[in-house]
Amino acid sequence: MKTKSFYVKLFLLIVPIIILASVPFIEGNTNSIGGGGYDLTDLFYGIYILIAIIAWIFFMIIHSLVFRKKSDVVAENSKLIVTGIVVFIIACLILFNTWIK
């Protein structure tokens, strides 16, 4: 039961990130965000990824505060929060790389 809960929570982080990260790479004849001669698509999707990660981290913190009766649950949520923070840092690096270009 513990590992199933862990994988469900990790799934809730990974799926939105994969969807948001893959959208800018889908080829299409759509207009770019920002119009004119510049494209802000990568910037906006980078911000959406950051928002998804921040919301997930807050959810994990609230979840760990509510269900902190067992030491196993706290340890499990600590792993998830650390995972979220690492993904947040990676998303920040990707976003700042987009801004620098």
PDB file of N, CA and C in Angstrom:
ATOM      1  N   MET A   1       0.820  -1.196   0.000  1.00  0.00           N
ATOM      2  CA  MET A   1       0.000   0.000   0.000  1.00  0.00           C
ATOM      3  C   MET A   1       0.865   1.261   0.000  1.00  0.00           C
ATOM      4  N   LYS A   2       1.993   1.212   0.708  1.00  0.00           N
ATOM      5  CA  LYS A   2       2.846   2.391   0.774  1.00  0.00           C
ATOM      6  C   LYS A   2       3.453   2.711  -0.590  1.00  0.00           C
ATOM      7  N   THR A   3       3.931   1.682  -1.271  1.00  0.00           N
ATOM      8  CA  THR A   3       4.554   1.933  -2.566  1.00  0.00           C
ATOM      9  C   THR A   3       3.526   2.356  -3.612  1.00  0.00           C
ATOM     10  N   LYS A   4       2.306   1.840  -3.516  1.00  0.00           N
ATOM     11  CA  LYS A   4       1.257   2.244  -4.456  1.00  0.00           C
ATOM     12  C   LYS A   4       0.955   3.731  -4.292  1.00  0.00           C
ATOM     13  N   SER A   5       0.849   4.186  -3.060  1.00  0.00           N
ATOM     14  CA  SER A   5       0.605   5.600  -2.792  1.00  0.00           C
ATOM     15  C   SER A   5       1.762   6.453  -3.303  1.00  0.00           C
ATOM     16  N   PHE A   6       2.973   5.981  -3.102  1.00  0.00           N
ATOM     17  CA  PHE A   6       4.152   6.705  -3.572  1.00  0.00           C
ATOM     18  C   PHE A   6       4.125   6.853  -5.088  1.00  0.00           C
ATOM     19  N   TYR A   7       3.815   5.771  -5.791  1.00  0.00           N
ATOM     20  CA  TYR A   7       3.790   5.822  -7.250  1.00  0.00           C
ATOM     21  C   TYR A   7       2.647   6.684  -7.776  1.00  0.00           C
ATOM     22  N   VAL A   8       1.525   6.702  -7.095  1.00  0.00           N
ATOM     23  CA  VAL A   8       0.412   7.566  -7.511  1.00  0.00           C
ATOM     24  C   VAL A   8       0.812   9.030  -7.380  1.00  0.00           C
ATOM     25  N   LYS A   9       1.446   9.385  -6.278  1.00  0.00           N
ATOM     26  CA  LYS A   9       1.872  10.772  -6.078  1.00  0.00           C
ATOM     27  C   LYS A   9       2.949  11.169  -7.079  1.00  0.00           C
ATOM     28  N   LEU A  10       3.864  10.267  -7.350  1.00  0.00           N
ATOM     29  CA  LEU A  10       4.900  10.551  -8.334  1.00  0.00           C
ATOM     30  C   LEU A  10       4.297  10.676  -9.732  1.00  0.00           C
ATOM     31  N   PHE A  11       3.286   9.875 -10.037  1.00  0.00           N
ATOM     32  CA  PHE A  11       2.566   9.949 -11.306  1.00  0.00           C
ATOM     33  C   PHE A  11       1.905  11.319 -11.464  1.00  0.00           C
ATOM     34  N   LEU A  12       1.371  11.867 -10.361  1.00  0.00           N
ATOM     35  CA  LEU A  12       0.729  13.178 -10.408  1.00  0.00           C
ATOM     36  C   LEU A  12       1.721  14.296 -10.693  1.00  0.00           C
ATOM     37  N   LEU A  13       2.989  14.058 -10.467  1.00  0.00           N
ATOM     38  CA  LEU A  13       4.011  15.038 -10.823  1.00  0.00           C
ATOM     39  C   LEU A  13       4.496  14.830 -12.252  1.00  0.00           C
ATOM     40  N   ILE A  14       4.732  13.600 -12.623  1.00  0.00           N
ATOM     41  CA  ILE A  14       5.394  13.311 -13.892  1.00  0.00           C
ATOM     42  C   ILE A  14       4.496  13.568 -15.096  1.00  0.00           C
ATOM     43  N   VAL A  15       3.237  13.176 -15.035  1.00  0.00           N
ATOM     44  CA  VAL A  15       2.355  13.297 -16.205  1.00  0.00           C
ATOM     45  C   VAL A  15       2.159  14.755 -16.644  1.00  0.00           C
ATOM     46  N   PRO A  16       1.804  15.694 -15.745  1.00  0.00           N
ATOM     47  CA  PRO A  16       1.666  17.080 -16.224  1.00  0.00           C
ATOM     48  C   PRO A  16       2.969  17.668 -16.752  1.00  0.00           C
ATOM     49  N   ILE A  17       4.085  17.294 -16.140  1.00  0.00           N
ATOM     50  CA  ILE A  17       5.365  17.825 -16.597  1.00  0.00           C
ATOM     51  C   ILE A  17       5.687  17.314 -17.998  1.00  0.00           C
ATOM     52  N   ILE A  18       5.436  16.043 -18.251  1.00  0.00           N
ATOM     53  CA  ILE A  18       5.696  15.490 -19.585  1.00  0.00           C
ATOM     54  C   ILE A  18       4.795  16.159 -20.620  1.00  0.00           C
ATOM     55  N   ILE A  19       3.533  16.345 -20.275  1.00  0.00           N
ATOM     56  CA  ILE A  19       2.604  16.986 -21.214  1.00  0.00           C
ATOM     57  C   ILE A  19       3.032  18.417 -21.502  1.00  0.00           C
ATOM     58  N   LEU A  20       3.331  19.184 -20.446  1.00  0.00           N
ATOM     59  CA  LEU A  20       3.709  20.578 -20.646  1.00  0.00           C
ATOM     60  C   LEU A  20       5.063  20.713 -21.337  1.00  0.00           C
ATOM     61  N   ALA A  21       5.969  19.799 -21.069  1.00  0.00           N
ATOM     62  CA  ALA A  21       7.289  19.884 -21.696  1.00  0.00           C
ATOM     63  C   ALA A  21       7.254  19.476 -23.162  1.00  0.00           C
ATOM     64  N   SER A  22       6.313  18.625 -23.545  1.00  0.00           N
ATOM     65  CA  SER A  22       6.274  18.159 -24.930  1.00  0.00           C
ATOM     66  C   SER A  22       5.463  19.065 -25.848  1.00  0.00           C
ATOM     67  N   VAL A  23       4.605  19.901 -25.317  1.00  0.00           N
ATOM     68  CA  VAL A  23       3.744  20.743 -26.156  1.00  0.00           C
ATOM     69  C   VAL A  23       4.538  21.680 -27.065  1.00  0.00           C
ATOM     70  N   PRO A  24       5.582  22.366 -26.589  1.00  0.00           N
ATOM     71  CA  PRO A  24       6.292  23.266 -27.515  1.00  0.00           C
ATOM     72  C   PRO A  24       6.985  22.550 -28.668  1.00  0.00           C
ATOM     73  N   PHE A  25       7.248  21.252 -28.536  1.00  0.00           N
ATOM     74  CA  PHE A  25       7.966  20.529 -29.576  1.00  0.00           C
ATOM     75  C   PHE A  25       7.044  19.930 -30.626  1.00  0.00           C
ATOM     76  N   ILE A  26       5.741  20.010 -30.409  1.00  0.00           N
ATOM     77  CA  ILE A  26       4.792  19.485 -31.386  1.00  0.00           C
ATOM     78  C   ILE A  26       4.727  20.465 -32.554  1.00  0.00           C
ATOM     79  N   GLU A  27       4.998  19.955 -33.727  1.00  0.00           N
ATOM     80  CA  GLU A  27       4.990  20.808 -34.916  1.00  0.00           C
ATOM     81  C   GLU A  27       3.557  21.099 -35.332  1.00  0.00           C
ATOM     82  N   GLY A  28       3.332  22.294 -35.763  1.00  0.00           N
ATOM     83  CA  GLY A  28       2.010  22.649 -36.240  1.00  0.00           C
ATOM     84  C   GLY A  28       2.039  24.006 -36.906  1.00  0.00           C
ATOM     85  N   ASN A  29       0.944  24.366 -37.482  1.00  0.00           N
ATOM     86  CA  ASN A  29       0.830  25.655 -38.143  1.00  0.00           C
ATOM     87  C   ASN A  29       0.116  26.658 -37.256  1.00  0.00           C
ATOM     88  N   THR A  30       0.378  26.593 -35.980  1.00  0.00           N
ATOM     89  CA  THR A  30      -0.272  27.514 -35.061  1.00  0.00           C
ATOM     90  C   THR A  30       0.553  28.781 -34.933  1.00  0.00           C
ATOM     91  N   ASN A  31      -0.098  29.835 -34.555  1.00  0.00           N
ATOM     92  CA  ASN A  31       0.598  31.093 -34.331  1.00  0.00           C
ATOM     93  C   ASN A  31       1.416  31.007 -33.054  1.00  0.00           C
ATOM     94  N   SER A  32       2.488  31.748 -33.024  1.00  0.00           N
ATOM     95  CA  SER A  32       3.317  31.749 -31.830  1.00  0.00           C
ATOM     96  C   SER A  32       2.710  32.678 -30.785  1.00  0.00           C
ATOM     97  N   ILE A  33       3.009  32.382 -29.537  1.00  0.00           N
ATOM     98  CA  ILE A  33       2.551  33.245 -28.452  1.00  0.00           C
ATOM     99  C   ILE A  33       3.455  34.463 -28.436  1.00  0.00           C
ATOM    100  N   GLY A  34       2.886  35.642 -28.471  1.00  0.00           N
ATOM    101  CA  GLY A  34       3.667  36.869 -28.455  1.00  0.00           C
ATOM    102  C   GLY A  34       3.516  37.657 -29.734  1.00  0.00           C
ATOM    103  N   GLY A  35       3.229  36.968 -30.818  1.00  0.00           N
ATOM    104  CA  GLY A  35       3.018  37.652 -32.082  1.00  0.00           C
ATOM    105  C   GLY A  35       4.267  38.375 -32.559  1.00  0.00           C
ATOM    106  N   GLY A  36       4.139  39.080 -33.637  1.00  0.00           N
ATOM    107  CA  GLY A  36       5.271  39.843 -34.146  1.00  0.00           C
ATOM    108  C   GLY A  36       6.422  38.953 -34.565  1.00  0.00           C
ATOM    109  N   GLY A  37       7.617  39.460 -34.377  1.00  0.00           N
ATOM    110  CA  GLY A  37       8.805  38.722 -34.782  1.00  0.00           C
ATOM    111  C   GLY A  37       9.435  37.911 -33.673  1.00  0.00           C
ATOM    112  N   TYR A  38       8.787  37.817 -32.549  1.00  0.00           N
ATOM    113  CA  TYR A  38       9.366  37.070 -31.431  1.00  0.00           C
ATOM    114  C   TYR A  38       8.390  35.994 -30.980  1.00  0.00           C
ATOM    115  N   ASP A  39       8.913  35.000 -30.309  1.00  0.00           N
ATOM    116  CA  ASP A  39       8.102  33.866 -29.875  1.00  0.00           C
ATOM    117  C   ASP A  39       8.301  33.654 -28.381  1.00  0.00           C
ATOM    118  N   LEU A  40       7.231  33.707 -27.636  1.00  0.00           N
ATOM    119  CA  LEU A  40       7.290  33.517 -26.184  1.00  0.00           C
ATOM    120  C   LEU A  40       6.754  32.160 -25.759  1.00  0.00           C
ATOM    121  N   THR A  41       6.601  31.234 -26.705  1.00  0.00           N
ATOM    122  CA  THR A  41       6.012  29.935 -26.401  1.00  0.00           C
ATOM    123  C   THR A  41       6.807  29.189 -25.342  1.00  0.00           C
ATOM    124  N   ASP A  42       8.126  29.099 -25.521  1.00  0.00           N
ATOM    125  CA  ASP A  42       8.952  28.380 -24.545  1.00  0.00           C
ATOM    126  C   ASP A  42       8.867  29.020 -23.167  1.00  0.00           C
ATOM    127  N   LEU A  43       8.849  30.331 -23.127  1.00  0.00           N
ATOM    128  CA  LEU A  43       8.752  31.033 -21.851  1.00  0.00           C
ATOM    129  C   LEU A  43       7.442  30.715 -21.146  1.00  0.00           C
ATOM    130  N   PHE A  44       6.337  30.767 -21.873  1.00  0.00           N
ATOM    131  CA  PHE A  44       5.042  30.497 -21.252  1.00  0.00           C
ATOM    132  C   PHE A  44       4.921  29.051 -20.786  1.00  0.00           C
ATOM    133  N   TYR A  45       5.385  28.105 -21.600  1.00  0.00           N
ATOM    134  CA  TYR A  45       5.310  26.715 -21.165  1.00  0.00           C
ATOM    135  C   TYR A  45       6.270  26.439 -20.017  1.00  0.00           C
ATOM    136  N   GLY A  46       7.392  27.124 -19.981  1.00  0.00           N
ATOM    137  CA  GLY A  46       8.284  27.011 -18.828  1.00  0.00           C
ATOM    138  C   GLY A  46       7.619  27.517 -17.560  1.00  0.00           C
ATOM    139  N   ILE A  47       6.889  28.621 -17.679  1.00  0.00           N
ATOM    140  CA  ILE A  47       6.161  29.155 -16.522  1.00  0.00           C
ATOM    141  C   ILE A  47       5.045  28.203 -16.108  1.00  0.00           C
ATOM    142  N   TYR A  48       4.347  27.609 -17.076  1.00  0.00           N
ATOM    143  CA  TYR A  48       3.299  26.637 -16.739  1.00  0.00           C
ATOM    144  C   TYR A  48       3.874  25.428 -16.011  1.00  0.00           C
ATOM    145  N   ILE A  49       5.062  24.977 -16.437  1.00  0.00           N
ATOM    146  CA  ILE A  49       5.704  23.858 -15.751  1.00  0.00           C
ATOM    147  C   ILE A  49       6.048  24.251 -14.320  1.00  0.00           C
ATOM    148  N   LEU A  50       6.576  25.454 -14.132  1.00  0.00           N
ATOM    149  CA  LEU A  50       6.900  25.909 -12.775  1.00  0.00           C
ATOM    150  C   LEU A  50       5.653  25.988 -11.905  1.00  0.00           C
ATOM    151  N   ILE A  51       4.558  26.472 -12.455  1.00  0.00           N
ATOM    152  CA  ILE A  51       3.309  26.554 -11.689  1.00  0.00           C
ATOM    153  C   ILE A  51       2.830  25.164 -11.303  1.00  0.00           C
ATOM    154  N   ALA A  52       2.918  24.206 -12.228  1.00  0.00           N
ATOM    155  CA  ALA A  52       2.499  22.835 -11.913  1.00  0.00           C
ATOM    156  C   ALA A  52       3.369  22.238 -10.822  1.00  0.00           C
ATOM    157  N   ILE A  53       4.671  22.473 -10.880  1.00  0.00           N
ATOM    158  CA  ILE A  53       5.574  21.926  -9.870  1.00  0.00           C
ATOM    159  C   ILE A  53       5.343  22.583  -8.519  1.00  0.00           C
ATOM    160  N   ILE A  54       5.159  23.899  -8.494  1.00  0.00           N
ATOM    161  CA  ILE A  54       4.910  24.595  -7.227  1.00  0.00           C
ATOM    162  C   ILE A  54       3.608  24.120  -6.608  1.00  0.00           C
ATOM    163  N   ALA A  55       2.564  23.959  -7.419  1.00  0.00           N
ATOM    164  CA  ALA A  55       1.290  23.451  -6.886  1.00  0.00           C
ATOM    165  C   ALA A  55       1.463  22.046  -6.333  1.00  0.00           C
ATOM    166  N   TRP A  56       2.245  21.208  -7.016  1.00  0.00           N
ATOM    167  CA  TRP A  56       2.476  19.844  -6.547  1.00  0.00           C
ATOM    168  C   TRP A  56       3.252  19.842  -5.233  1.00  0.00           C
ATOM    169  N   ILE A  57       4.264  20.706  -5.116  1.00  0.00           N
ATOM    170  CA  ILE A  57       5.044  20.779  -3.876  1.00  0.00           C
ATOM    171  C   ILE A  57       4.158  21.231  -2.720  1.00  0.00           C
ATOM    172  N   PHE A  58       3.313  22.242  -2.933  1.00  0.00           N
ATOM    173  CA  PHE A  58       2.405  22.684  -1.869  1.00  0.00           C
ATOM    174  C   PHE A  58       1.436  21.576  -1.476  1.00  0.00           C
ATOM    175  N   PHE A  59       0.938  20.836  -2.458  1.00  0.00           N
ATOM    176  CA  PHE A  59       0.056  19.712  -2.154  1.00  0.00           C
ATOM    177  C   PHE A  59       0.773  18.676  -1.300  1.00  0.00           C
ATOM    178  N   MET A  60       2.021  18.375  -1.635  1.00  0.00           N
ATOM    179  CA  MET A  60       2.779  17.386  -0.858  1.00  0.00           C
ATOM    180  C   MET A  60       3.067  17.885   0.555  1.00  0.00           C
ATOM    181  N   ILE A  61       3.351  19.172   0.707  1.00  0.00           N
ATOM    182  CA  ILE A  61       3.599  19.717   2.047  1.00  0.00           C
ATOM    183  C   ILE A  61       2.335  19.647   2.887  1.00  0.00           C
ATOM    184  N   ILE A  62       1.208  20.055   2.326  1.00  0.00           N
ATOM    185  CA  ILE A  62      -0.060  19.989   3.064  1.00  0.00           C
ATOM    186  C   ILE A  62      -0.409  18.548   3.376  1.00  0.00           C
ATOM    187  N   HIS A  63      -0.201  17.660   2.424  1.00  0.00           N
ATOM    188  CA  HIS A  63      -0.488  16.243   2.647  1.00  0.00           C
ATOM    189  C   HIS A  63       0.387  15.675   3.763  1.00  0.00           C
ATOM    190  N   SER A  64       1.651  16.054   3.789  1.00  0.00           N
ATOM    191  CA  SER A  64       2.536  15.537   4.836  1.00  0.00           C
ATOM    192  C   SER A  64       2.176  16.110   6.199  1.00  0.00           C
ATOM    193  N   LEU A  65       1.654  17.327   6.244  1.00  0.00           N
ATOM    194  CA  LEU A  65       1.237  17.897   7.529  1.00  0.00           C
ATOM    195  C   LEU A  65      -0.040  17.249   8.048  1.00  0.00           C
ATOM    196  N   VAL A  66      -0.941  16.902   7.148  1.00  0.00           N
ATOM    197  CA  VAL A  66      -2.203  16.289   7.559  1.00  0.00           C
ATOM    198  C   VAL A  66      -1.998  14.839   7.985  1.00  0.00           C
ATOM    199  N   PHE A  67      -1.185  14.104   7.259  1.00  0.00           N
ATOM    200  CA  PHE A  67      -0.995  12.678   7.522  1.00  0.00           C
ATOM    201  C   PHE A  67       0.369  12.390   8.134  1.00  0.00           C
ATOM    202  N   ARG A  68       0.750  13.121   9.141  1.00  0.00           N
ATOM    203  CA  ARG A  68       2.067  12.919   9.740  1.00  0.00           C
ATOM    204  C   ARG A  68       2.034  12.038  10.977  1.00  0.00           C
ATOM    205  N   LYS A  69       1.011  11.229  11.142  1.00  0.00           N
ATOM    206  CA  LYS A  69       0.885  10.385  12.321  1.00  0.00           C
ATOM    207  C   LYS A  69       1.867   9.223  12.300  1.00  0.00           C
ATOM    208  N   LYS A  70       2.164   8.698  11.135  1.00  0.00           N
ATOM    209  CA  LYS A  70       3.077   7.571  11.021  1.00  0.00           C
ATOM    210  C   LYS A  70       4.419   8.058  10.488  1.00  0.00           C
ATOM    211  N   SER A  71       5.469   7.477  10.999  1.00  0.00           N
ATOM    212  CA  SER A  71       6.795   7.885  10.529  1.00  0.00           C
ATOM    213  C   SER A  71       7.016   7.482   9.075  1.00  0.00           C
ATOM    214  N   ASP A  72       6.399   6.389   8.636  1.00  0.00           N
ATOM    215  CA  ASP A  72       6.551   5.960   7.246  1.00  0.00           C
ATOM    216  C   ASP A  72       5.956   6.976   6.282  1.00  0.00           C
ATOM    217  N   VAL A  73       4.822   7.540   6.642  1.00  0.00           N
ATOM    218  CA  VAL A  73       4.168   8.514   5.770  1.00  0.00           C
ATOM    219  C   VAL A  73       5.017   9.773   5.666  1.00  0.00           C
ATOM    220  N   VAL A  74       5.580  10.205   6.779  1.00  0.00           N
ATOM    221  CA  VAL A  74       6.422  11.399   6.755  1.00  0.00           C
ATOM    222  C   VAL A  74       7.668  11.149   5.908  1.00  0.00           C
ATOM    223  N   ALA A  75       8.264   9.993   6.055  1.00  0.00           N
ATOM    224  CA  ALA A  75       9.448   9.671   5.255  1.00  0.00           C
ATOM    225  C   ALA A  75       9.100   9.603   3.772  1.00  0.00           C
ATOM    226  N   GLU A  76       7.950   9.018   3.458  1.00  0.00           N
ATOM    227  CA  GLU A  76       7.520   8.923   2.063  1.00  0.00           C
ATOM    228  C   GLU A  76       7.273  10.303   1.476  1.00  0.00           C
ATOM    229  N   ASN A  77       6.592  11.152   2.223  1.00  0.00           N
ATOM    230  CA  ASN A  77       6.310  12.490   1.725  1.00  0.00           C
ATOM    231  C   ASN A  77       7.576  13.329   1.635  1.00  0.00           C
ATOM    232  N   SER A  78       8.526  13.081   2.510  1.00  0.00           N
ATOM    233  CA  SER A  78       9.795  13.795   2.420  1.00  0.00           C
ATOM    234  C   SER A  78      10.510  13.457   1.117  1.00  0.00           C
ATOM    235  N   LYS A  79      10.468  12.201   0.730  1.00  0.00           N
ATOM    236  CA  LYS A  79      11.070  11.802  -0.544  1.00  0.00           C
ATOM    237  C   LYS A  79      10.387  12.507  -1.709  1.00  0.00           C
ATOM    238  N   LEU A  80       9.065  12.575  -1.657  1.00  0.00           N
ATOM    239  CA  LEU A  80       8.332  13.225  -2.742  1.00  0.00           C
ATOM    240  C   LEU A  80       8.608  14.722  -2.787  1.00  0.00           C
ATOM    241  N   ILE A  81       8.708  15.352  -1.632  1.00  0.00           N
ATOM    242  CA  ILE A  81       8.975  16.788  -1.600  1.00  0.00           C
ATOM    243  C   ILE A  81      10.373  17.075  -2.136  1.00  0.00           C
ATOM    244  N   VAL A  82      11.333  16.259  -1.766  1.00  0.00           N
ATOM    245  CA  VAL A  82      12.690  16.431  -2.295  1.00  0.00           C
ATOM    246  C   VAL A  82      12.695  16.227  -3.808  1.00  0.00           C
ATOM    247  N   THR A  83      11.960  15.230  -4.286  1.00  0.00           N
ATOM    248  CA  THR A  83      11.848  15.007  -5.729  1.00  0.00           C
ATOM    249  C   THR A  83      11.251  16.229  -6.417  1.00  0.00           C
ATOM    250  N   GLY A  84      10.203  16.793  -5.830  1.00  0.00           N
ATOM    251  CA  GLY A  84       9.578  17.982  -6.398  1.00  0.00           C
ATOM    252  C   GLY A  84      10.512  19.175  -6.428  1.00  0.00           C
ATOM    253  N   ILE A  85      11.299  19.345  -5.379  1.00  0.00           N
ATOM    254  CA  ILE A  85      12.236  20.467  -5.336  1.00  0.00           C
ATOM    255  C   ILE A  85      13.320  20.307  -6.400  1.00  0.00           C
ATOM    256  N   VAL A  86      13.798  19.090  -6.588  1.00  0.00           N
ATOM    257  CA  VAL A  86      14.807  18.843  -7.625  1.00  0.00           C
ATOM    258  C   VAL A  86      14.228  19.129  -9.007  1.00  0.00           C
ATOM    259  N   VAL A  87      13.004  18.681  -9.256  1.00  0.00           N
ATOM    260  CA  VAL A  87      12.363  18.953 -10.545  1.00  0.00           C
ATOM    261  C   VAL A  87      12.131  20.454 -10.716  1.00  0.00           C
ATOM    262  N   PHE A  88      11.793  21.148  -9.634  1.00  0.00           N
ATOM    263  CA  PHE A  88      11.613  22.598  -9.668  1.00  0.00           C
ATOM    264  C   PHE A  88      12.913  23.290 -10.075  1.00  0.00           C
ATOM    265  N   ILE A  89      14.017  22.862  -9.508  1.00  0.00           N
ATOM    266  CA  ILE A  89      15.309  23.460  -9.849  1.00  0.00           C
ATOM    267  C   ILE A  89      15.646  23.207 -11.315  1.00  0.00           C
ATOM    268  N   ILE A  90      15.387  21.997 -11.790  1.00  0.00           N
ATOM    269  CA  ILE A  90      15.648  21.686 -13.196  1.00  0.00           C
ATOM    270  C   ILE A  90      14.769  22.541 -14.105  1.00  0.00           C
ATOM    271  N   ALA A  91      13.499  22.712 -13.736  1.00  0.00           N
ATOM    272  CA  ALA A  91      12.600  23.547 -14.542  1.00  0.00           C
ATOM    273  C   ALA A  91      13.064  25.000 -14.536  1.00  0.00           C
ATOM    274  N   CYS A  92      13.564  25.482 -13.402  1.00  0.00           N
ATOM    275  CA  CYS A  92      14.097  26.850 -13.345  1.00  0.00           C
ATOM    276  C   CYS A  92      15.291  27.004 -14.279  1.00  0.00           C
ATOM    277  N   LEU A  93      16.165  26.014 -14.284  1.00  0.00           N
ATOM    278  CA  LEU A  93      17.317  26.079 -15.181  1.00  0.00           C
ATOM    279  C   LEU A  93      16.884  26.094 -16.640  1.00  0.00           C
ATOM    280  N   ILE A  94      15.885  25.284 -16.976  1.00  0.00           N
ATOM    281  CA  ILE A  94      15.369  25.272 -18.348  1.00  0.00           C
ATOM    282  C   ILE A  94      14.734  26.620 -18.684  1.00  0.00           C
ATOM    283  N   LEU A  95      13.977  27.172 -17.742  1.00  0.00           N
ATOM    284  CA  LEU A  95      13.313  28.455 -17.975  1.00  0.00           C
ATOM    285  C   LEU A  95      14.330  29.573 -18.139  1.00  0.00           C
ATOM    286  N   PHE A  96      15.348  29.615 -17.285  1.00  0.00           N
ATOM    287  CA  PHE A  96      16.356  30.662 -17.403  1.00  0.00           C
ATOM    288  C   PHE A  96      17.167  30.506 -18.683  1.00  0.00           C
ATOM    289  N   ASN A  97      17.377  29.282 -19.111  1.00  0.00           N
ATOM    290  CA  ASN A  97      18.051  29.048 -20.376  1.00  0.00           C
ATOM    291  C   ASN A  97      17.208  29.597 -21.523  1.00  0.00           C
ATOM    292  N   THR A  98      15.892  29.479 -21.416  1.00  0.00           N
ATOM    293  CA  THR A  98      14.992  30.029 -22.431  1.00  0.00           C
ATOM    294  C   THR A  98      15.079  31.550 -22.445  1.00  0.00           C
ATOM    295  N   TRP A  99      15.158  32.162 -21.274  1.00  0.00           N
ATOM    296  CA  TRP A  99      15.242  33.622 -21.205  1.00  0.00           C
ATOM    297  C   TRP A  99      16.560  34.144 -21.760  1.00  0.00           C
ATOM    298  N   ILE A 100      17.639  33.394 -21.563  1.00  0.00           N
ATOM    299  CA  ILE A 100      18.953  33.853 -21.994  1.00  0.00           C
ATOM    300  C   ILE A 100      19.073  33.827 -23.509  1.00  0.00           C
ATOM    301  N   LYS A 101      18.412  32.884 -24.172  1.00  0.00           N
ATOM    302  CA  LYS A 101      18.514  32.760 -25.634  1.00  0.00           C
ATOM    303  C   LYS A 101      18.079  33.992 -26.278  1.00  0.00           C
TER     304      LYS A 101
END
